[in-house]
Amino acid sequence: MKLLRPVDMQVIIPKTLEVAKEHQNLQESGKVVQTMLGVQFQKQQEIEKRKVNSPTKSEKIEVTSEKERRKDEKNKKRESPFKKSSNHIDVKI
C-alpha cells in the first residue's frame, strides 16, 4: 500500500473537482440529448398523424354531374352584361 504525501493531496483534490464537474456535464448532456430526441419523435408522430388523417388532392376533387355543369353554364349566361363591363362608363352628350 502506497502512502500519499501532502504534496500529492494538494494536486489530487483540485483534479477530483474538475473530474466531478466534467462527469456531471456529461450526464446532463446525455439527458438533454435524450429529451431533445423525445420531443423530435413526438413532432414526427404528429406529422405522421396529420398525413394519415388529411385527404390528398385527388380525394378533395368533387365530381359534378352533367346536369349541375349545364345549370352553372346557364347561370353564367344569364348574368347581366352590365356586371361584366364595370370598368368603363359610356356617356353621350
PDB file of N, CA and C in Angstrom:
ATOM      1  N   MET A   1       0.832  -1.163   0.000  1.00  0.00           N
ATOM      2  CA  MET A   1       0.000   0.000   0.000  1.00  0.00           C
ATOM      3  C   MET A   1       0.887   1.240   0.000  1.00  0.00           C
ATOM      4  N   LYS A   2       0.580   2.138  -0.857  1.00  0.00           N
ATOM      5  CA  LYS A   2       1.397   3.335  -1.023  1.00  0.00           C
ATOM      6  C   LYS A   2       0.759   4.482  -0.262  1.00  0.00           C
ATOM      7  N   LEU A   3       1.552   5.205   0.478  1.00  0.00           N
ATOM      8  CA  LEU A   3       1.063   6.351   1.227  1.00  0.00           C
ATOM      9  C   LEU A   3       1.147   7.602   0.374  1.00  0.00           C
ATOM     10  N   LEU A   4       0.138   8.461   0.506  1.00  0.00           N
ATOM     11  CA  LEU A   4       0.119   9.728  -0.233  1.00  0.00           C
ATOM     12  C   LEU A   4       0.764  10.803   0.617  1.00  0.00           C
ATOM     13  N   ARG A   5       1.557  11.580  -0.045  1.00  0.00           N
ATOM     14  CA  ARG A   5       2.209  12.687   0.646  1.00  0.00           C
ATOM     15  C   ARG A   5       1.297  13.900   0.596  1.00  0.00           C
ATOM     16  N   PRO A   6       1.479  14.856   1.472  1.00  0.00           N
ATOM     17  CA  PRO A   6       0.655  16.067   1.458  1.00  0.00           C
ATOM     18  C   PRO A   6       0.724  16.824   0.133  1.00  0.00           C
ATOM     19  N   VAL A   7       1.861  16.803  -0.517  1.00  0.00           N
ATOM     20  CA  VAL A   7       2.004  17.496  -1.802  1.00  0.00           C
ATOM     21  C   VAL A   7       1.111  16.827  -2.847  1.00  0.00           C
ATOM     22  N   ASP A   8       1.072  15.506  -2.817  1.00  0.00           N
ATOM     23  CA  ASP A   8       0.210  14.780  -3.750  1.00  0.00           C
ATOM     24  C   ASP A   8      -1.261  15.123  -3.515  1.00  0.00           C
ATOM     25  N   MET A   9      -1.654  15.265  -2.261  1.00  0.00           N
ATOM     26  CA  MET A   9      -3.042  15.609  -1.932  1.00  0.00           C
ATOM     27  C   MET A   9      -3.409  16.994  -2.463  1.00  0.00           C
ATOM     28  N   GLN A  10      -2.455  17.909  -2.458  1.00  0.00           N
ATOM     29  CA  GLN A  10      -2.717  19.253  -2.971  1.00  0.00           C
ATOM     30  C   GLN A  10      -3.014  19.226  -4.476  1.00  0.00           C
ATOM     31  N   VAL A  11      -2.465  18.287  -5.168  1.00  0.00           N
ATOM     32  CA  VAL A  11      -2.687  18.167  -6.608  1.00  0.00           C
ATOM     33  C   VAL A  11      -3.958  17.357  -6.878  1.00  0.00           C
ATOM     34  N   ILE A  12      -4.197  16.314  -6.100  1.00  0.00           N
ATOM     35  CA  ILE A  12      -5.305  15.400  -6.352  1.00  0.00           C
ATOM     36  C   ILE A  12      -6.666  16.049  -6.083  1.00  0.00           C
ATOM     37  N   ILE A  13      -6.796  16.800  -5.013  1.00  0.00           N
ATOM     38  CA  ILE A  13      -8.104  17.375  -4.647  1.00  0.00           C
ATOM     39  C   ILE A  13      -8.634  18.321  -5.730  1.00  0.00           C
ATOM     40  N   PRO A  14      -7.871  19.276  -6.231  1.00  0.00           N
ATOM     41  CA  PRO A  14      -8.411  20.102  -7.325  1.00  0.00           C
ATOM     42  C   PRO A  14      -8.759  19.279  -8.580  1.00  0.00           C
ATOM     43  N   LYS A  15      -7.970  18.246  -8.842  1.00  0.00           N
ATOM     44  CA  LYS A  15      -8.248  17.398 -10.013  1.00  0.00           C
ATOM     45  C   LYS A  15      -9.568  16.643  -9.831  1.00  0.00           C
ATOM     46  N   THR A  16      -9.856  16.203  -8.621  1.00  0.00           N
ATOM     47  CA  THR A  16     -11.115  15.484  -8.408  1.00  0.00           C
ATOM     48  C   THR A  16     -12.304  16.399  -8.621  1.00  0.00           C
ATOM     49  N   LEU A  17     -12.181  17.662  -8.263  1.00  0.00           N
ATOM     50  CA  LEU A  17     -13.265  18.618  -8.506  1.00  0.00           C
ATOM     51  C   LEU A  17     -13.490  18.811 -10.006  1.00  0.00           C
ATOM     52  N   GLU A  18     -12.394  18.908 -10.751  1.00  0.00           N
ATOM     53  CA  GLU A  18     -12.516  19.057 -12.201  1.00  0.00           C
ATOM     54  C   GLU A  18     -13.167  17.826 -12.824  1.00  0.00           C
ATOM     55  N   VAL A  19     -12.746  16.658 -12.376  1.00  0.00           N
ATOM     56  CA  VAL A  19     -13.297  15.411 -12.910  1.00  0.00           C
ATOM     57  C   VAL A  19     -14.782  15.303 -12.553  1.00  0.00           C
ATOM     58  N   ALA A  20     -15.155  15.695 -11.354  1.00  0.00           N
ATOM     59  CA  ALA A  20     -16.557  15.633 -10.932  1.00  0.00           C
ATOM     60  C   ALA A  20     -17.415  16.571 -11.776  1.00  0.00           C
ATOM     61  N   LYS A  21     -16.916  17.766 -12.041  1.00  0.00           N
ATOM     62  CA  LYS A  21     -17.659  18.711 -12.885  1.00  0.00           C
ATOM     63  C   LYS A  21     -17.821  18.157 -14.299  1.00  0.00           C
ATOM     64  N   GLU A  22     -16.747  17.585 -14.824  1.00  0.00           N
ATOM     65  CA  GLU A  22     -16.802  17.020 -16.175  1.00  0.00           C
ATOM     66  C   GLU A  22     -17.785  15.854 -16.238  1.00  0.00           C
ATOM     67  N   HIS A  23     -17.784  15.030 -15.226  1.00  0.00           N
ATOM     68  CA  HIS A  23     -18.707  13.895 -15.164  1.00  0.00           C
ATOM     69  C   HIS A  23     -20.162  14.374 -15.101  1.00  0.00           C
ATOM     70  N   GLN A  24     -20.409  15.404 -14.320  1.00  0.00           N
ATOM     71  CA  GLN A  24     -21.757  15.953 -14.216  1.00  0.00           C
ATOM     72  C   GLN A  24     -22.205  16.540 -15.551  1.00  0.00           C
ATOM     73  N   ASN A  25     -21.301  17.248 -16.226  1.00  0.00           N
ATOM     74  CA  ASN A  25     -21.630  17.813 -17.537  1.00  0.00           C
ATOM     75  C   ASN A  25     -21.983  16.716 -18.539  1.00  0.00           C
ATOM     76  N   LEU A  26     -21.250  15.612 -18.511  1.00  0.00           N
ATOM     77  CA  LEU A  26     -21.543  14.510 -19.420  1.00  0.00           C
ATOM     78  C   LEU A  26     -22.915  13.912 -19.134  1.00  0.00           C
ATOM     79  N   GLN A  27     -23.245  13.755 -17.862  1.00  0.00           N
ATOM     80  CA  GLN A  27     -24.552  13.208 -17.514  1.00  0.00           C
ATOM     81  C   GLN A  27     -25.678  14.146 -17.954  1.00  0.00           C
ATOM     82  N   GLU A  28     -25.512  15.440 -17.725  1.00  0.00           N
ATOM     83  CA  GLU A  28     -26.543  16.410 -18.107  1.00  0.00           C
ATOM     84  C   GLU A  28     -26.701  16.484 -19.622  1.00  0.00           C
ATOM     85  N   SER A  29     -25.592  16.427 -20.342  1.00  0.00           N
ATOM     86  CA  SER A  29     -25.697  16.499 -21.800  1.00  0.00           C
ATOM     87  C   SER A  29     -26.426  15.277 -22.343  1.00  0.00           C
ATOM     88  N   GLY A  30     -26.233  14.126 -21.719  1.00  0.00           N
ATOM     89  CA  GLY A  30     -26.968  12.929 -22.127  1.00  0.00           C
ATOM     90  C   GLY A  30     -28.461  13.091 -21.915  1.00  0.00           C
ATOM     91  N   LYS A  31     -28.825  13.696 -20.787  1.00  0.00           N
ATOM     92  CA  LYS A  31     -30.241  13.929 -20.502  1.00  0.00           C
ATOM     93  C   LYS A  31     -30.838  14.910 -21.498  1.00  0.00           C
ATOM     94  N   VAL A  32     -30.077  15.957 -21.820  1.00  0.00           N
ATOM     95  CA  VAL A  32     -30.559  16.966 -22.769  1.00  0.00           C
ATOM     96  C   VAL A  32     -30.773  16.340 -24.144  1.00  0.00           C
ATOM     97  N   VAL A  33     -29.819  15.533 -24.572  1.00  0.00           N
ATOM     98  CA  VAL A  33     -29.935  14.889 -25.879  1.00  0.00           C
ATOM     99  C   VAL A  33     -31.141  13.953 -25.895  1.00  0.00           C
ATOM    100  N   GLN A  34     -31.329  13.216 -24.815  1.00  0.00           N
ATOM    101  CA  GLN A  34     -32.457  12.296 -24.743  1.00  0.00           C
ATOM    102  C   GLN A  34     -33.784  13.061 -24.786  1.00  0.00           C
ATOM    103  N   THR A  35     -33.861  14.182 -24.082  1.00  0.00           N
ATOM    104  CA  THR A  35     -35.074  14.999 -24.086  1.00  0.00           C
ATOM    105  C   THR A  35     -35.346  15.546 -25.489  1.00  0.00           C
ATOM    106  N   MET A  36     -34.301  16.033 -26.144  1.00  0.00           N
ATOM    107  CA  MET A  36     -34.463  16.578 -27.490  1.00  0.00           C
ATOM    108  C   MET A  36     -34.936  15.505 -28.464  1.00  0.00           C
ATOM    109  N   LEU A  37     -34.391  14.298 -28.340  1.00  0.00           N
ATOM    110  CA  LEU A  37     -34.826  13.211 -29.215  1.00  0.00           C
ATOM    111  C   LEU A  37     -36.284  12.851 -28.954  1.00  0.00           C
ATOM    112  N   GLY A  38     -36.700  12.896 -27.696  1.00  0.00           N
ATOM    113  CA  GLY A  38     -38.095  12.618 -27.361  1.00  0.00           C
ATOM    114  C   GLY A  38     -39.032  13.639 -27.974  1.00  0.00           C
ATOM    115  N   VAL A  39     -38.674  14.909 -27.889  1.00  0.00           N
ATOM    116  CA  VAL A  39     -39.503  15.972 -28.471  1.00  0.00           C
ATOM    117  C   VAL A  39     -39.562  15.827 -29.990  1.00  0.00           C
ATOM    118  N   GLN A  40     -38.425  15.537 -30.588  1.00  0.00           N
ATOM    119  CA  GLN A  40     -38.378  15.378 -32.038  1.00  0.00           C
ATOM    120  C   GLN A  40     -39.234  14.184 -32.475  1.00  0.00           C
ATOM    121  N   PHE A  41     -39.199  13.108 -31.707  1.00  0.00           N
ATOM    122  CA  PHE A  41     -40.003  11.933 -32.022  1.00  0.00           C
ATOM    123  C   PHE A  41     -41.486  12.257 -31.929  1.00  0.00           C
ATOM    124  N   GLN A  42     -41.885  13.022 -30.915  1.00  0.00           N
ATOM    125  CA  GLN A  42     -43.293  13.401 -30.774  1.00  0.00           C
ATOM    126  C   GLN A  42     -43.748  14.264 -31.946  1.00  0.00           C
ATOM    127  N   LYS A  43     -42.910  15.206 -32.368  1.00  0.00           N
ATOM    128  CA  LYS A  43     -43.254  16.046 -33.518  1.00  0.00           C
ATOM    129  C   LYS A  43     -43.418  15.195 -34.770  1.00  0.00           C
ATOM    130  N   GLN A  44     -42.520  14.228 -34.948  1.00  0.00           N
ATOM    131  CA  GLN A  44     -42.597  13.359 -36.116  1.00  0.00           C
ATOM    132  C   GLN A  44     -43.888  12.542 -36.091  1.00  0.00           C
ATOM    133  N   GLN A  45     -44.294  12.082 -34.916  1.00  0.00           N
ATOM    134  CA  GLN A  45     -45.543  11.339 -34.806  1.00  0.00           C
ATOM    135  C   GLN A  45     -46.739  12.213 -35.157  1.00  0.00           C
ATOM    136  N   GLU A  46     -46.745  13.473 -34.721  1.00  0.00           N
ATOM    137  CA  GLU A  46     -47.834  14.388 -35.055  1.00  0.00           C
ATOM    138  C   GLU A  46     -47.913  14.598 -36.569  1.00  0.00           C
ATOM    139  N   ILE A  47     -46.766  14.750 -37.203  1.00  0.00           N
ATOM    140  CA  ILE A  47     -46.742  14.941 -38.655  1.00  0.00           C
ATOM    141  C   ILE A  47     -47.308  13.708 -39.351  1.00  0.00           C
ATOM    142  N   GLU A  48     -46.913  12.540 -38.889  1.00  0.00           N
ATOM    143  CA  GLU A  48     -47.420  11.308 -39.491  1.00  0.00           C
ATOM    144  C   GLU A  48     -48.923  11.164 -39.289  1.00  0.00           C
ATOM    145  N   LYS A  49     -49.430  11.576 -38.119  1.00  0.00           N
ATOM    146  CA  LYS A  49     -50.875  11.523 -37.871  1.00  0.00           C
ATOM    147  C   LYS A  49     -51.615  12.413 -38.850  1.00  0.00           C
ATOM    148  N   ARG A  50     -51.104  13.619 -39.066  1.00  0.00           N
ATOM    149  CA  ARG A  50     -51.758  14.553 -39.982  1.00  0.00           C
ATOM    150  C   ARG A  50     -51.761  14.016 -41.402  1.00  0.00           C
ATOM    151  N   LYS A  51     -50.678  13.369 -41.799  1.00  0.00           N
ATOM    152  CA  LYS A  51     -50.615  12.805 -43.140  1.00  0.00           C
ATOM    153  C   LYS A  51     -51.690  11.748 -43.326  1.00  0.00           C
ATOM    154  N   VAL A  52     -51.906  10.941 -42.326  1.00  0.00           N
ATOM    155  CA  VAL A  52     -52.893   9.872 -42.420  1.00  0.00           C
ATOM    156  C   VAL A  52     -54.301  10.450 -42.435  1.00  0.00           C
ATOM    157  N   ASN A  53     -54.559  11.456 -41.624  1.00  0.00           N
ATOM    158  CA  ASN A  53     -55.910  11.993 -41.488  1.00  0.00           C
ATOM    159  C   ASN A  53     -56.293  12.987 -42.577  1.00  0.00           C
ATOM    160  N   SER A  54     -55.353  13.649 -43.187  1.00  0.00           N
ATOM    161  CA  SER A  54     -55.703  14.656 -44.188  1.00  0.00           C
ATOM    162  C   SER A  54     -55.845  14.006 -45.560  1.00  0.00           C
ATOM    163  N   PRO A  55     -56.879  14.387 -46.284  1.00  0.00           N
ATOM    164  CA  PRO A  55     -57.098  13.789 -47.610  1.00  0.00           C
ATOM    165  C   PRO A  55     -56.101  14.336 -48.633  1.00  0.00           C
ATOM    166  N   THR A  56     -55.836  13.563 -49.636  1.00  0.00           N
ATOM    167  CA  THR A  56     -54.942  14.006 -50.696  1.00  0.00           C
ATOM    168  C   THR A  56     -55.711  14.906 -51.654  1.00  0.00           C
ATOM    169  N   LYS A  57     -55.003  15.528 -52.574  1.00  0.00           N
ATOM    170  CA  LYS A  57     -55.644  16.434 -53.530  1.00  0.00           C
ATOM    171  C   LYS A  57     -56.686  15.698 -54.367  1.00  0.00           C
ATOM    172  N   SER A  58     -56.371  14.491 -54.771  1.00  0.00           N
ATOM    173  CA  SER A  58     -57.314  13.754 -55.615  1.00  0.00           C
ATOM    174  C   SER A  58     -58.578  13.382 -54.844  1.00  0.00           C
ATOM    175  N   GLU A  59     -58.464  13.218 -53.530  1.00  0.00           N
ATOM    176  CA  GLU A  59     -59.654  12.914 -52.739  1.00  0.00           C
ATOM    177  C   GLU A  59     -60.528  14.145 -52.539  1.00  0.00           C
ATOM    178  N   LYS A  60     -59.928  15.338 -52.608  1.00  0.00           N
ATOM    179  CA  LYS A  60     -60.684  16.575 -52.398  1.00  0.00           C
ATOM    180  C   LYS A  60     -61.499  16.976 -53.629  1.00  0.00           C
ATOM    181  N   ILE A  61     -61.133  16.476 -54.788  1.00  0.00           N
ATOM    182  CA  ILE A  61     -61.818  16.860 -56.024  1.00  0.00           C
ATOM    183  C   ILE A  61     -63.240  16.310 -56.005  1.00  0.00           C
ATOM    184  N   GLU A  62     -64.182  17.201 -56.263  1.00  0.00           N
ATOM    185  CA  GLU A  62     -65.580  16.795 -56.293  1.00  0.00           C
ATOM    186  C   GLU A  62     -65.998  16.574 -57.737  1.00  0.00           C
ATOM    187  N   VAL A  63     -66.713  15.512 -57.957  1.00  0.00           N
ATOM    188  CA  VAL A  63     -67.198  15.210 -59.290  1.00  0.00           C
ATOM    189  C   VAL A  63     -68.571  15.846 -59.432  1.00  0.00           C
ATOM    190  N   THR A  64     -68.706  16.686 -60.439  1.00  0.00           N
ATOM    191  CA  THR A  64     -70.002  17.329 -60.676  1.00  0.00           C
ATOM    192  C   THR A  64     -70.720  16.585 -61.789  1.00  0.00           C
ATOM    193  N   SER A  65     -71.977  16.488 -61.635  1.00  0.00           N
ATOM    194  CA  SER A  65     -72.764  15.776 -62.642  1.00  0.00           C
ATOM    195  C   SER A  65     -72.953  16.679 -63.860  1.00  0.00           C
ATOM    196  N   GLU A  66     -73.388  16.063 -64.941  1.00  0.00           N
ATOM    197  CA  GLU A  66     -73.608  16.799 -66.183  1.00  0.00           C
ATOM    198  C   GLU A  66     -74.706  17.850 -66.015  1.00  0.00           C
ATOM    199  N   LYS A  67     -75.749  17.527 -65.252  1.00  0.00           N
ATOM    200  CA  LYS A  67     -76.846  18.472 -65.025  1.00  0.00           C
ATOM    201  C   LYS A  67     -76.352  19.700 -64.271  1.00  0.00           C
ATOM    202  N   GLU A  68     -75.532  19.479 -63.246  1.00  0.00           N
ATOM    203  CA  GLU A  68     -75.026  20.623 -62.472  1.00  0.00           C
ATOM    204  C   GLU A  68     -74.150  21.516 -63.334  1.00  0.00           C
ATOM    205  N   ARG A  69     -73.357  20.913 -64.190  1.00  0.00           N
ATOM    206  CA  ARG A  69     -72.478  21.693 -65.047  1.00  0.00           C
ATOM    207  C   ARG A  69     -73.291  22.536 -66.027  1.00  0.00           C
ATOM    208  N   ARG A  70     -74.324  21.967 -66.607  1.00  0.00           N
ATOM    209  CA  ARG A  70     -75.182  22.718 -67.525  1.00  0.00           C
ATOM    210  C   ARG A  70     -75.895  23.853 -66.800  1.00  0.00           C
ATOM    211  N   LYS A  71     -76.341  23.560 -65.590  1.00  0.00           N
ATOM    212  CA  LYS A  71     -77.018  24.578 -64.788  1.00  0.00           C
ATOM    213  C   LYS A  71     -76.079  25.759 -64.513  1.00  0.00           C
ATOM    214  N   ASP A  72     -74.838  25.446 -64.171  1.00  0.00           N
ATOM    215  CA  ASP A  72     -73.854  26.502 -63.928  1.00  0.00           C
ATOM    216  C   ASP A  72     -73.589  27.318 -65.187  1.00  0.00           C
ATOM    217  N   GLU A  73     -73.525  26.659 -66.326  1.00  0.00           N
ATOM    218  CA  GLU A  73     -73.301  27.368 -67.586  1.00  0.00           C
ATOM    219  C   GLU A  73     -74.470  28.305 -67.907  1.00  0.00           C
ATOM    220  N   LYS A  74     -75.704  27.841 -67.670  1.00  0.00           N
ATOM    221  CA  LYS A  74     -76.876  28.678 -67.920  1.00  0.00           C
ATOM    222  C   LYS A  74     -76.873  29.896 -67.001  1.00  0.00           C
ATOM    223  N   ASN A  75     -76.518  29.689 -65.751  1.00  0.00           N
ATOM    224  CA  ASN A  75     -76.472  30.806 -64.809  1.00  0.00           C
ATOM    225  C   ASN A  75     -75.419  31.833 -65.226  1.00  0.00           C
ATOM    226  N   LYS A  76     -74.340  31.392 -65.778  1.00  0.00           N
ATOM    227  CA  LYS A  76     -73.307  32.322 -66.229  1.00  0.00           C
ATOM    228  C   LYS A  76     -73.798  33.138 -67.417  1.00  0.00           C
ATOM    229  N   LYS A  77     -74.576  32.480 -68.302  1.00  0.00           N
ATOM    230  CA  LYS A  77     -75.100  33.180 -69.465  1.00  0.00           C
ATOM    231  C   LYS A  77     -76.147  34.213 -69.072  1.00  0.00           C
ATOM    232  N   ARG A  78     -76.862  33.952 -68.004  1.00  0.00           N
ATOM    233  CA  ARG A  78     -77.932  34.847 -67.553  1.00  0.00           C
ATOM    234  C   ARG A  78     -77.410  36.097 -66.854  1.00  0.00           C
ATOM    235  N   GLU A  79     -76.168  36.125 -66.515  1.00  0.00           N
ATOM    236  CA  GLU A  79     -75.635  37.298 -65.814  1.00  0.00           C
ATOM    237  C   GLU A  79     -75.807  38.549 -66.668  1.00  0.00           C
ATOM    238  N   SER A  80     -76.012  39.630 -65.999  1.00  0.00           N
ATOM    239  CA  SER A  80     -76.231  40.895 -66.673  1.00  0.00           C
ATOM    240  C   SER A  80     -74.947  41.348 -67.373  1.00  0.00           C
ATOM    241  N   PRO A  81     -75.072  41.888 -68.573  1.00  0.00           N
ATOM    242  CA  PRO A  81     -73.871  42.383 -69.259  1.00  0.00           C
ATOM    243  C   PRO A  81     -73.298  43.620 -68.565  1.00  0.00           C
ATOM    244  N   PHE A  82     -74.100  44.274 -67.731  1.00  0.00           N
ATOM    245  CA  PHE A  82     -73.605  45.453 -67.013  1.00  0.00           C
ATOM    246  C   PHE A  82     -72.576  45.075 -65.955  1.00  0.00           C
ATOM    247  N   LYS A  83     -72.725  43.906 -65.417  1.00  0.00           N
ATOM    248  CA  LYS A  83     -71.758  43.462 -64.416  1.00  0.00           C
ATOM    249  C   LYS A  83     -70.398  43.219 -65.046  1.00  0.00           C
ATOM    250  N   LYS A  84     -70.398  42.746 -66.267  1.00  0.00           N
ATOM    251  CA  LYS A  84     -69.134  42.434 -66.928  1.00  0.00           C
ATOM    252  C   LYS A  84     -68.386  43.695 -67.332  1.00  0.00           C
ATOM    253  N   SER A  85     -69.093  44.743 -67.717  1.00  0.00           N
ATOM    254  CA  SER A  85     -68.437  45.950 -68.208  1.00  0.00           C
ATOM    255  C   SER A  85     -68.404  47.040 -67.138  1.00  0.00           C
ATOM    256  N   SER A  86     -67.960  46.699 -65.987  1.00  0.00           N
ATOM    257  CA  SER A  86     -67.920  47.682 -64.904  1.00  0.00           C
ATOM    258  C   SER A  86     -66.645  48.515 -64.926  1.00  0.00           C
ATOM    259  N   ASN A  87     -65.788  48.287 -65.896  1.00  0.00           N
ATOM    260  CA  ASN A  87     -64.515  49.016 -65.939  1.00  0.00           C
ATOM    261  C   ASN A  87     -64.633  50.395 -66.597  1.00  0.00           C
ATOM    262  N   HIS A  88     -65.665  50.648 -67.413  1.00  0.00           N
ATOM    263  CA  HIS A  88     -65.794  51.949 -68.077  1.00  0.00           C
ATOM    264  C   HIS A  88     -67.253  52.367 -68.138  1.00  0.00           C
ATOM    265  N   ILE A  89     -67.458  53.645 -68.365  1.00  0.00           N
ATOM    266  CA  ILE A  89     -68.821  54.203 -68.434  1.00  0.00           C
ATOM    267  C   ILE A  89     -68.933  54.950 -69.768  1.00  0.00           C
ATOM    268  N   ASP A  90     -70.031  54.689 -70.486  1.00  0.00           N
ATOM    269  CA  ASP A  90     -70.289  55.389 -71.746  1.00  0.00           C
ATOM    270  C   ASP A  90     -71.185  56.578 -71.448  1.00  0.00           C
ATOM    271  N   VAL A  91     -70.742  57.729 -71.881  1.00  0.00           N
ATOM    272  CA  VAL A  91     -71.536  58.942 -71.677  1.00  0.00           C
ATOM    273  C   VAL A  91     -71.763  59.596 -73.036  1.00  0.00           C
ATOM    274  N   LYS A  92     -73.065  59.908 -73.339  1.00  0.00           N
ATOM    275  CA  LYS A  92     -73.407  60.578 -74.603  1.00  0.00           C
ATOM    276  C   LYS A  92     -73.932  61.957 -74.290  1.00  0.00           C
ATOM    277  N   ILE A  93     -73.528  62.923 -75.055  1.00  0.00           N
ATOM    278  CA  ILE A  93     -73.998  64.298 -74.842  1.00  0.00           C
ATOM    279  C   ILE A  93     -74.759  64.741 -76.060  1.00  0.00           C
TER     280      ILE A  93
END
